[in-house]
Amino acid sequence: MTIDWLAFLQVFAAALVAGVVVVGFYATGLRLLARSGRIPVVAPAVFTDAIAVMTPKQIAKAQKQADKAARRSPLTEGQRQLALVGAFACFAVVVLAVLAGILLIVLG
């Protein structure tokens, strides 16, 4: 039994680069989304055995804080729009990277 170490290193490098690309672009997209004034506030799912569940009051408070932070933004309206476009572009790169990975698995 022989191991093709070059192929192993190629797969390792591809996985490392793909992981950095997906996580990096997703984090950048979230940052740009927040800078554009659209801070994502997600209500948690309610599970019967959940350790911590946010109450509607806590969700409303988080939404109020997000709205307040969006109003305090020092960016102009044009800069906010540019940040929003950049955020969507980053999310598009993430989606394309994930789809490419799925296609490689399915077709390969």
Protein backbone atom coordinates (compact mmCIF):
# COMPACT_ATOMS: atom_id res chain seq x y z
CA MET A 1 0.00 0.00 0.00
CA THR A 2 1.38 3.37 -1.00
CA ILE A 3 0.27 6.85 -0.11
CA ASP A 4 0.37 9.62 -2.67
CA TRP A 5 1.65 12.37 -0.39
CA LEU A 6 1.48 15.02 -3.10
CA ALA A 7 -2.24 14.37 -3.60
CA PHE A 8 -2.72 14.47 0.18
CA LEU A 9 -0.98 17.86 0.37
CA GLN A 10 -3.07 19.19 -2.53
CA VAL A 11 -6.31 18.20 -0.80
CA PHE A 12 -5.07 19.66 2.49
CA ALA A 13 -4.12 22.96 0.85
CA ALA A 14 -7.43 23.17 -1.04
CA ALA A 15 -9.42 22.53 2.14
CA LEU A 16 -7.41 25.11 4.07
CA VAL A 17 -7.82 27.76 1.37
CA ALA A 18 -11.54 27.02 0.99
CA GLY A 19 -12.05 27.26 4.75
CA VAL A 20 -10.24 30.58 4.95
CA VAL A 21 -12.20 31.95 1.98
CA VAL A 22 -15.61 30.90 3.29
CA VAL A 23 -15.05 32.08 6.86
CA GLY A 24 -13.21 35.24 5.84
CA PHE A 25 -15.79 36.39 3.30
CA TYR A 26 -18.69 35.52 5.63
CA ALA A 27 -17.13 37.52 8.48
CA THR A 28 -16.39 40.43 6.14
CA GLY A 29 -19.95 40.29 4.83
CA LEU A 30 -21.38 40.44 8.35
CA ARG A 31 -19.10 43.34 9.20
CA LEU A 32 -20.12 45.26 6.10
CA LEU A 33 -23.78 44.47 6.78
CA ALA A 34 -23.43 45.95 10.24
CA ARG A 35 -21.61 49.01 8.87
CA SER A 36 -24.42 49.55 6.38
CA GLY A 37 -26.86 49.93 9.28
CA ARG A 38 -28.58 46.59 8.83
CA ILE A 39 -27.48 44.80 11.96
CA PRO A 40 -28.88 41.28 11.90
CA VAL A 41 -31.01 40.50 14.95
CA VAL A 42 -32.16 36.91 14.87
CA ALA A 43 -34.74 35.61 17.30
CA PRO A 44 -33.61 32.25 18.69
CA ALA A 45 -35.59 29.13 18.02
CA VAL A 46 -37.65 27.89 20.92
CA PHE A 47 -36.74 24.40 22.05
CA THR A 48 -38.42 22.60 24.89
CA ASP A 49 -35.11 21.60 26.46
CA ALA A 50 -33.19 24.81 25.71
CA ILE A 51 -30.80 26.05 28.36
CA ALA A 52 -31.35 29.72 27.58
CA VAL A 53 -34.19 31.17 25.56
CA MET A 54 -34.60 34.88 24.92
CA THR A 55 -37.90 36.35 25.97
CA PRO A 56 -39.82 38.63 23.59
CA LYS A 57 -38.79 41.53 25.84
CA GLN A 58 -35.10 40.67 25.39
CA ILE A 59 -35.55 40.35 21.61
CA ALA A 60 -37.24 43.77 21.49
CA LYS A 61 -34.38 45.26 23.53
CA ALA A 62 -31.79 43.77 21.16
CA GLN A 63 -33.68 45.16 18.16
CA LYS A 64 -33.86 48.58 19.82
CA GLN A 65 -30.09 48.54 20.44
CA ALA A 66 -29.47 47.52 16.81
CA ASP A 67 -31.67 50.37 15.56
CA LYS A 68 -29.86 52.83 17.83
CA ALA A 69 -26.46 51.65 16.59
CA ALA A 70 -27.64 52.01 12.99
CA ARG A 71 -28.68 55.63 13.62
CA ARG A 72 -25.28 56.47 15.17
CA SER A 73 -23.32 55.37 12.10
CA PRO A 74 -20.88 58.08 10.93
CA LEU A 75 -21.15 56.88 7.32
CA THR A 76 -22.92 58.83 4.62
CA GLU A 77 -25.86 57.27 2.77
CA GLY A 78 -23.62 56.50 -0.22
CA GLN A 79 -21.08 54.76 2.00
CA ARG A 80 -23.85 52.72 3.62
CA GLN A 81 -25.12 51.63 0.20
CA LEU A 82 -21.59 50.69 -0.85
CA ALA A 83 -21.13 48.66 2.34
CA LEU A 84 -24.44 46.89 1.69
CA VAL A 85 -23.41 46.02 -1.87
CA GLY A 86 -20.06 44.78 -0.56
CA ALA A 87 -21.80 42.64 2.05
CA PHE A 88 -24.00 41.01 -0.57
CA ALA A 89 -20.95 40.46 -2.79
CA CYS A 90 -19.14 38.73 0.10
CA PHE A 91 -22.16 36.51 0.75
CA ALA A 92 -22.30 35.68 -2.97
CA VAL A 93 -18.66 34.55 -2.86
CA VAL A 94 -19.48 32.32 0.11
CA VAL A 95 -22.46 30.78 -1.67
CA LEU A 96 -20.40 30.17 -4.81
CA ALA A 97 -17.59 28.55 -2.81
CA VAL A 98 -20.02 26.24 -1.02
CA LEU A 99 -21.78 25.33 -4.29
CA ALA A 100 -18.42 24.65 -5.95
CA GLY A 101 -17.49 22.34 -3.08
CA ILE A 102 -20.80 20.48 -3.36
CA LEU A 103 -20.35 20.12 -7.11
CA LEU A 104 -16.84 18.75 -6.62
CA ILE A 105 -18.19 16.14 -4.23
CA VAL A 106 -21.18 15.17 -6.36
CA LEU A 107 -19.48 15.19 -9.75
CA GLY A 108 -16.05 14.01 -8.62
